[in-house]
Protein backbone atom coordinates (compact mmCIF):
# COMPACT_ATOMS: atom_id res chain seq x y z
CA MET A 1 16.72 9.30 11.25
CA THR A 2 15.14 11.58 8.65
CA THR A 3 11.91 11.17 6.72
CA ALA A 4 11.49 13.23 3.59
CA PRO A 5 8.19 15.11 2.97
CA PHE A 6 5.91 13.88 0.21
CA VAL A 7 7.11 14.64 -3.29
CA SER A 8 5.27 13.60 -6.43
CA PRO A 9 7.80 11.22 -7.98
CA SER A 10 8.66 9.93 -11.41
CA LEU A 11 11.48 7.55 -12.03
CA SER A 12 11.57 8.01 -15.77
CA ARG A 13 10.53 11.59 -16.51
CA LEU A 14 10.72 13.98 -13.58
CA SER A 15 12.48 17.31 -13.74
CA SER A 16 15.62 17.79 -11.76
CA ALA A 17 13.91 20.56 -9.81
CA ARG A 18 11.79 17.96 -8.03
CA ALA A 19 13.95 14.88 -7.76
CA SER A 20 16.78 13.20 -9.56
CA PRO A 21 15.85 10.16 -11.64
CA VAL A 22 16.80 6.83 -10.15
CA PRO A 23 19.78 5.44 -12.01
CA LYS A 24 19.21 2.45 -14.23
CA SER A 25 21.55 0.38 -12.12
CA SER A 26 19.04 0.48 -9.26
CA ALA A 27 16.61 -1.74 -11.14
CA ARG A 28 17.02 -5.46 -10.79
CA SER A 29 17.84 -7.39 -13.90
CA GLY A 30 14.72 -8.23 -15.89
CA THR A 31 12.48 -5.87 -13.87
CA ALA A 32 10.89 -2.89 -15.52
CA GLY A 33 11.18 0.53 -13.90
CA VAL A 34 8.22 1.96 -12.05
CA ALA A 35 6.75 4.75 -14.18
CA PHE A 36 5.21 7.25 -11.78
CA PRO A 37 3.28 10.22 -13.18
CA ALA A 38 5.43 13.27 -13.86
CA ARG A 39 2.75 15.70 -12.69
CA PRO A 40 1.79 16.21 -9.03
CA TYR A 41 -1.47 14.46 -9.89
CA GLY A 42 -1.07 11.78 -12.48
CA PRO A 43 -2.96 10.80 -15.61
CA SER A 44 -6.61 9.89 -15.43
CA LEU A 45 -7.51 6.29 -14.73
CA ARG A 46 -10.10 4.97 -17.18
CA LEU A 47 -11.89 1.71 -17.68
CA SER A 48 -10.75 -0.23 -20.71
CA SER A 49 -12.95 -3.32 -20.52
CA PRO A 50 -16.54 -3.02 -21.86
CA VAL A 51 -17.68 -5.50 -19.22
CA MET A 52 -16.08 -3.50 -16.43
CA ALA A 53 -17.52 -0.29 -17.86
CA ALA A 54 -21.01 -1.80 -18.00
CA THR A 55 -20.96 -3.21 -14.48
CA GLY A 56 -18.98 -0.41 -12.82
CA LEU A 57 -16.78 -2.99 -11.11
CA GLY A 58 -13.03 -3.26 -11.04
CA GLY A 59 -11.01 -6.45 -11.31
CA ASN A 60 -11.22 -6.93 -7.54
CA GLY A 61 -15.01 -6.67 -7.44
CA SER A 62 -14.92 -3.09 -6.13
CA PRO A 63 -16.56 -0.09 -7.79
CA VAL A 64 -14.26 2.01 -9.93
CA ALA A 65 -14.54 5.41 -11.50
CA PRO A 66 -16.76 5.62 -14.60
CA GLU A 67 -15.21 6.05 -18.02
CA ASN A 68 -15.95 9.75 -18.26
CA SER A 69 -14.45 10.63 -14.88
CA ALA A 70 -10.89 11.47 -13.92
CA VAL A 71 -9.22 10.05 -10.83
CA SER A 72 -5.81 11.38 -9.84
CA SER A 73 -3.04 8.91 -9.12
CA ARG A 74 -2.31 8.69 -5.42
CA LEU A 75 1.42 8.79 -4.73
CA GLY A 76 3.65 8.50 -1.71
CA GLU A 77 7.40 8.79 -1.28
CA VAL A 78 9.59 8.31 1.78
CA LYS A 79 13.33 8.44 2.38
CA ARG A 80 14.36 6.93 5.71
CA VAL A 81 17.96 7.06 6.90
CA THR A 82 19.23 5.55 10.15
CA LYS A 83 22.61 4.34 11.40
CA GLU A 84 21.82 0.87 10.04
CA THR A 85 19.84 1.53 6.85
CA ASP A 86 19.21 3.90 3.96
CA VAL A 87 15.74 3.30 2.49
CA HIS A 88 13.92 4.98 -0.39
CA VAL A 89 10.32 3.95 -1.14
CA LYS A 90 7.78 5.16 -3.71
CA ILE A 91 4.26 3.85 -4.17
CA ASN A 92 1.47 4.57 -6.62
CA LEU A 93 -1.85 3.17 -5.39
CA ASP A 94 -3.37 3.58 -8.86
CA GLY A 95 -0.61 1.79 -10.72
CA THR A 96 -0.44 -1.26 -12.94
CA GLY A 97 1.43 -3.71 -10.71
CA VAL A 98 5.00 -2.80 -11.60
CA SER A 99 7.64 -3.62 -8.99
CA ASN A 100 11.23 -2.44 -8.82
CA SER A 101 12.57 -3.71 -5.52
CA SER A 102 16.17 -3.91 -4.43
CA SER A 103 16.00 -4.34 -0.67
CA GLY A 104 19.16 -6.35 -0.16
CA ILE A 105 16.95 -9.26 0.98
CA PRO A 106 16.11 -11.44 -2.05
CA PHE A 107 13.13 -13.22 -0.47
CA LEU A 108 11.63 -9.90 0.64
CA ASP A 109 12.03 -8.60 -2.92
CA HIS A 110 10.04 -11.63 -4.08
CA MET A 111 7.27 -10.79 -1.59
CA LEU A 112 7.22 -7.12 -2.57
CA ASP A 113 6.77 -8.25 -6.17
CA GLN A 114 3.64 -10.12 -5.02
CA LEU A 115 2.38 -7.03 -3.23
CA ALA A 116 2.73 -4.92 -6.36
CA SER A 117 1.42 -7.51 -8.80
CA HIS A 118 -1.69 -8.58 -6.88
CA GLY A 119 -2.47 -5.14 -5.47
CA LEU A 120 -1.91 -3.39 -8.80
CA PHE A 121 0.35 -0.93 -7.01
CA ASP A 122 3.52 0.47 -8.56
CA ILE A 123 6.22 0.00 -5.94
CA TYR A 124 9.83 1.14 -5.92
CA VAL A 125 12.09 0.09 -3.06
CA LYS A 126 15.80 0.80 -2.90
CA ALA A 127 17.53 -0.06 0.36
CA THR A 128 20.99 -0.64 1.72
CA GLY A 129 21.65 -1.83 5.25
CA ASP A 130 23.60 -4.00 7.61
CA THR A 131 22.28 -7.25 6.12
CA HIS A 132 25.77 -8.73 6.58
CA ILE A 133 24.90 -8.80 10.28
CA TYR A 134 21.19 -9.60 10.12
CA ASP A 135 18.16 -8.75 7.94
CA HIS A 136 16.16 -7.37 10.86
CA HIS A 137 16.94 -3.66 10.47
CA SER A 138 16.40 -3.56 6.70
CA ASN A 139 13.21 -5.63 6.94
CA GLU A 140 11.84 -3.29 9.63
CA ASP A 141 12.82 0.03 8.07
CA ILE A 142 11.52 -0.94 4.63
CA ALA A 143 8.15 -1.82 6.17
CA LEU A 144 8.09 1.42 8.16
CA ALA A 145 8.81 3.39 4.99
CA ILE A 146 6.16 1.54 2.98
CA GLY A 147 3.60 2.23 5.70
CA THR A 148 4.45 5.93 5.73
CA ALA A 149 4.31 6.12 1.92
CA LEU A 150 0.93 4.38 1.99
CA LEU A 151 -0.32 6.91 4.54
CA GLN A 152 0.81 9.77 2.32
CA ALA A 153 -0.72 8.26 -0.80
CA LEU A 154 -4.11 7.77 0.88
CA GLY A 155 -4.34 11.46 1.73
CA ASP A 156 -7.73 12.35 3.21
CA ARG A 157 -9.11 8.91 2.19
CA LYS A 158 -12.24 10.43 0.67
CA GLY A 159 -14.35 7.95 -1.28
CA ILE A 160 -12.35 4.80 -0.55
CA ASN A 161 -13.85 1.49 0.54
CA ARG A 162 -11.67 1.58 3.67
CA PHE A 163 -12.22 -2.13 4.47
CA GLY A 164 -10.60 -5.09 2.70
CA HIS A 165 -11.02 -8.85 3.08
CA PHE A 166 -9.41 -11.56 0.98
CA THR A 167 -8.42 -15.21 1.29
CA ALA A 168 -5.62 -16.47 -0.91
CA PRO A 169 -4.69 -20.12 -1.47
CA LEU A 170 -1.31 -21.36 -2.63
CA ASP A 171 -1.30 -25.11 -3.09
CA GLU A 172 -1.84 -26.60 0.38
CA ALA A 173 -1.65 -23.19 2.10
CA ALA A 174 -4.50 -20.72 2.59
CA VAL A 175 -4.32 -17.38 4.40
CA GLU A 176 -7.10 -14.90 5.22
CA VAL A 177 -6.45 -11.16 5.58
CA ILE A 178 -8.89 -8.60 6.95
CA LEU A 179 -7.93 -4.94 7.18
CA ASP A 180 -9.34 -1.53 7.98
CA LEU A 181 -7.65 1.73 6.97
CA SER A 182 -8.96 3.23 10.17
CA GLY A 183 -6.05 5.26 11.46
CA ARG A 184 -5.83 2.90 14.44
CA PRO A 185 -2.71 0.67 14.24
CA HIS A 186 -3.29 -2.90 15.34
CA LEU A 187 -1.93 -6.25 14.19
CA SER A 188 -3.31 -9.68 14.98
CA CYS A 189 -1.12 -12.26 13.26
CA GLY A 190 -2.09 -15.92 13.41
CA LEU A 191 0.61 -17.45 11.25
CA SER A 192 2.16 -20.76 12.18
CA ILE A 193 5.26 -21.06 9.97
CA PRO A 194 6.87 -24.47 10.51
CA THR A 195 10.50 -23.62 9.69
CA GLU A 196 12.84 -20.98 11.03
CA ARG A 197 14.08 -19.97 7.59
CA VAL A 198 13.05 -19.86 3.96
CA GLY A 199 16.40 -19.85 2.22
CA ALA A 200 18.35 -17.19 4.12
CA TYR A 201 15.23 -15.30 5.28
CA ASP A 202 14.29 -15.58 8.95
CA THR A 203 10.56 -16.37 9.06
CA GLN A 204 10.18 -14.42 12.34
CA LEU A 205 10.61 -11.30 10.23
CA VAL A 206 7.27 -11.81 8.47
CA GLU A 207 5.19 -10.77 11.47
CA HIS A 208 7.66 -8.00 12.28
CA PHE A 209 7.33 -6.66 8.72
CA PHE A 210 3.57 -6.34 9.03
CA GLN A 211 3.78 -4.91 12.57
CA SER A 212 6.12 -2.18 11.32
CA LEU A 213 3.90 -1.42 8.31
CA VAL A 214 0.81 -1.26 10.55
CA ASN A 215 2.51 1.13 12.99
CA THR A 216 3.23 3.81 10.40
CA SER A 217 0.19 3.38 8.14
CA GLY A 218 -2.37 3.40 10.95
CA MET A 219 -3.95 0.19 9.69
CA THR A 220 -5.92 -2.43 11.58
CA LEU A 221 -4.75 -5.77 10.20
CA HIS A 222 -5.79 -9.32 10.96
CA ILE A 223 -3.94 -12.26 9.40
CA ARG A 224 -5.20 -15.80 9.89
CA GLN A 225 -3.66 -18.98 8.52
CA LEU A 226 -6.35 -21.44 7.48
CA ALA A 227 -4.08 -24.20 6.18
CA GLY A 228 -0.52 -24.90 5.14
CA ASN A 229 2.67 -26.74 6.03
CA ASN A 230 5.13 -25.26 3.53
CA SER A 231 6.75 -22.10 4.89
CA HIS A 232 7.28 -20.48 1.50
CA HIS A 233 3.67 -21.11 0.48
CA ILE A 234 2.30 -19.73 3.75
CA ILE A 235 4.30 -16.51 3.54
CA GLU A 236 3.57 -15.95 -0.14
CA ALA A 237 -0.15 -16.59 0.36
CA THR A 238 -0.03 -14.00 3.16
CA PHE A 239 1.45 -11.30 0.94
CA LYS A 240 -0.95 -12.12 -1.89
CA ALA A 241 -3.99 -11.96 0.38
CA PHE A 242 -2.70 -8.74 1.93
CA ALA A 243 -2.19 -7.21 -1.52
CA ARG A 244 -5.72 -8.03 -2.66
CA ALA A 245 -7.30 -6.86 0.59
CA LEU A 246 -5.34 -3.60 0.48
CA ARG A 247 -6.30 -3.09 -3.14
CA GLN A 248 -9.95 -3.58 -2.20
CA ALA A 249 -9.70 -1.11 0.70
CA THR A 250 -7.96 1.61 -1.32
CA GLU A 251 -10.28 1.45 -4.32
CA TYR A 252 -13.14 3.91 -4.63
CA ASP A 253 -16.74 3.36 -3.59
CA LEU A 254 -18.83 5.40 -6.05
CA ARG A 255 -21.84 5.48 -3.76
CA ARG A 256 -19.86 7.47 -1.19
CA ARG A 257 -19.55 10.34 -3.67
CA GLY A 258 -16.17 11.35 -2.32
CA THR A 259 -17.04 11.31 1.39
CA ILE A 260 -14.81 9.84 4.08
CA PRO A 261 -16.03 6.37 5.17
CA ARG A 262 -16.49 6.88 8.88
CA PHE A 263 -19.30 7.00 11.41
CA VAL A 264 -18.79 9.85 13.84
CA PHE A 265 -20.12 10.83 17.25
CA THR A 266 -21.93 14.06 18.15
CA TYR A 267 -23.69 15.49 21.19
CA CYS A 268 -27.31 16.61 20.90
CA LYS A 269 -27.94 20.07 22.41
CA TYR A 270 -31.66 19.45 22.68
CA CYS A 271 -31.98 16.12 24.47
CA SER A 272 -28.60 16.31 26.26
CA GLY A 273 -27.85 12.90 24.88
CA SER A 274 -25.43 11.46 22.40
CA ALA A 275 -26.33 10.64 18.83
CA TRP A 276 -24.50 8.78 16.10
CA SER A 277 -24.47 10.52 12.76
CA PRO A 278 -22.42 10.02 9.60
CA PHE A 279 -22.78 13.70 8.72
CA ARG A 280 -21.00 15.37 11.64
CA ARG A 281 -17.46 16.16 12.66
CA CYS A 282 -15.32 13.32 13.98
CA PHE A 283 -15.52 13.04 17.76
CA ARG A 284 -11.74 12.71 17.89
CA ASN A 285 -11.38 16.33 16.82
CA SER A 286 -14.06 17.83 19.08
CA PHE A 287 -17.49 17.32 20.53
CA ARG A 288 -19.90 19.69 18.86
CA ALA A 289 -23.39 20.54 20.07
CA GLU A 290 -25.68 19.52 17.23
CA SER A 291 -29.14 18.11 16.88
CA CYS A 292 -29.58 14.36 16.74
CA VAL A 293 -31.70 12.65 14.11
CA LYS A 294 -34.79 13.04 16.29
CA HIS A 295 -34.41 16.81 16.72
CA ARG A 296 -32.86 17.71 13.40
CA LYS A 297 -34.87 20.13 11.35
CA THR A 298 -35.90 18.86 7.92
């Protein structure tokens, strides 16, 4: 298995020195190509709505960058090749909701379309695999690649909300998703899907998709089914809620002023005790003798 390093991609206008354009045949019929920025850091994202500009809120209720500021597009790209699959994934967290998915699993393509549309991510997925045997390997490796691409696109995570929480209804179904881009992979999945298949898609693969994505992205993810008895509705509500929660978590919090949203642990050299402080080095990297709030000089 090989995983390619991050390369700033563009499907429509990227020089051959960086990557070859994806052939037109890779796009599904009726689906527009994903236009990633041609530069390593893409075009500025600006507010277009006067109401959004006045309130400083994005369409998901999260703060966004002001009109006179520039925010670089956050991109991730992964190529994953195993004995069973060949997967190529690109994601733009600051996209417009364009999806170009050809996974070899039609129902999964439909769900990836929901992820792009409701998360406002630009997503490109091209995969071939041993789906003639079973969808398991393709389903898993696509999720692993998406998680890795997400991790790349997030970078140092400075200024993001980090947490996301959304509940999505779809007719009789309702699913709640809570997530934390913490760097600690964990999945708690409380779905109760009544049928074994939706079309040809094995519904057991839904939880496995999210477990694989969590493992490589370092995300804490909780999924809870509140209602529903139609398998298709339950799964689609899950992907929609996940998309909106992820969008919320990856958007910027202006009040953080570009800092990383974490609360870190330090050791006070004066009182020989521990002190919590949001202004010190992360305890995972090292303990550092610093003054606590009580003994800090002003």
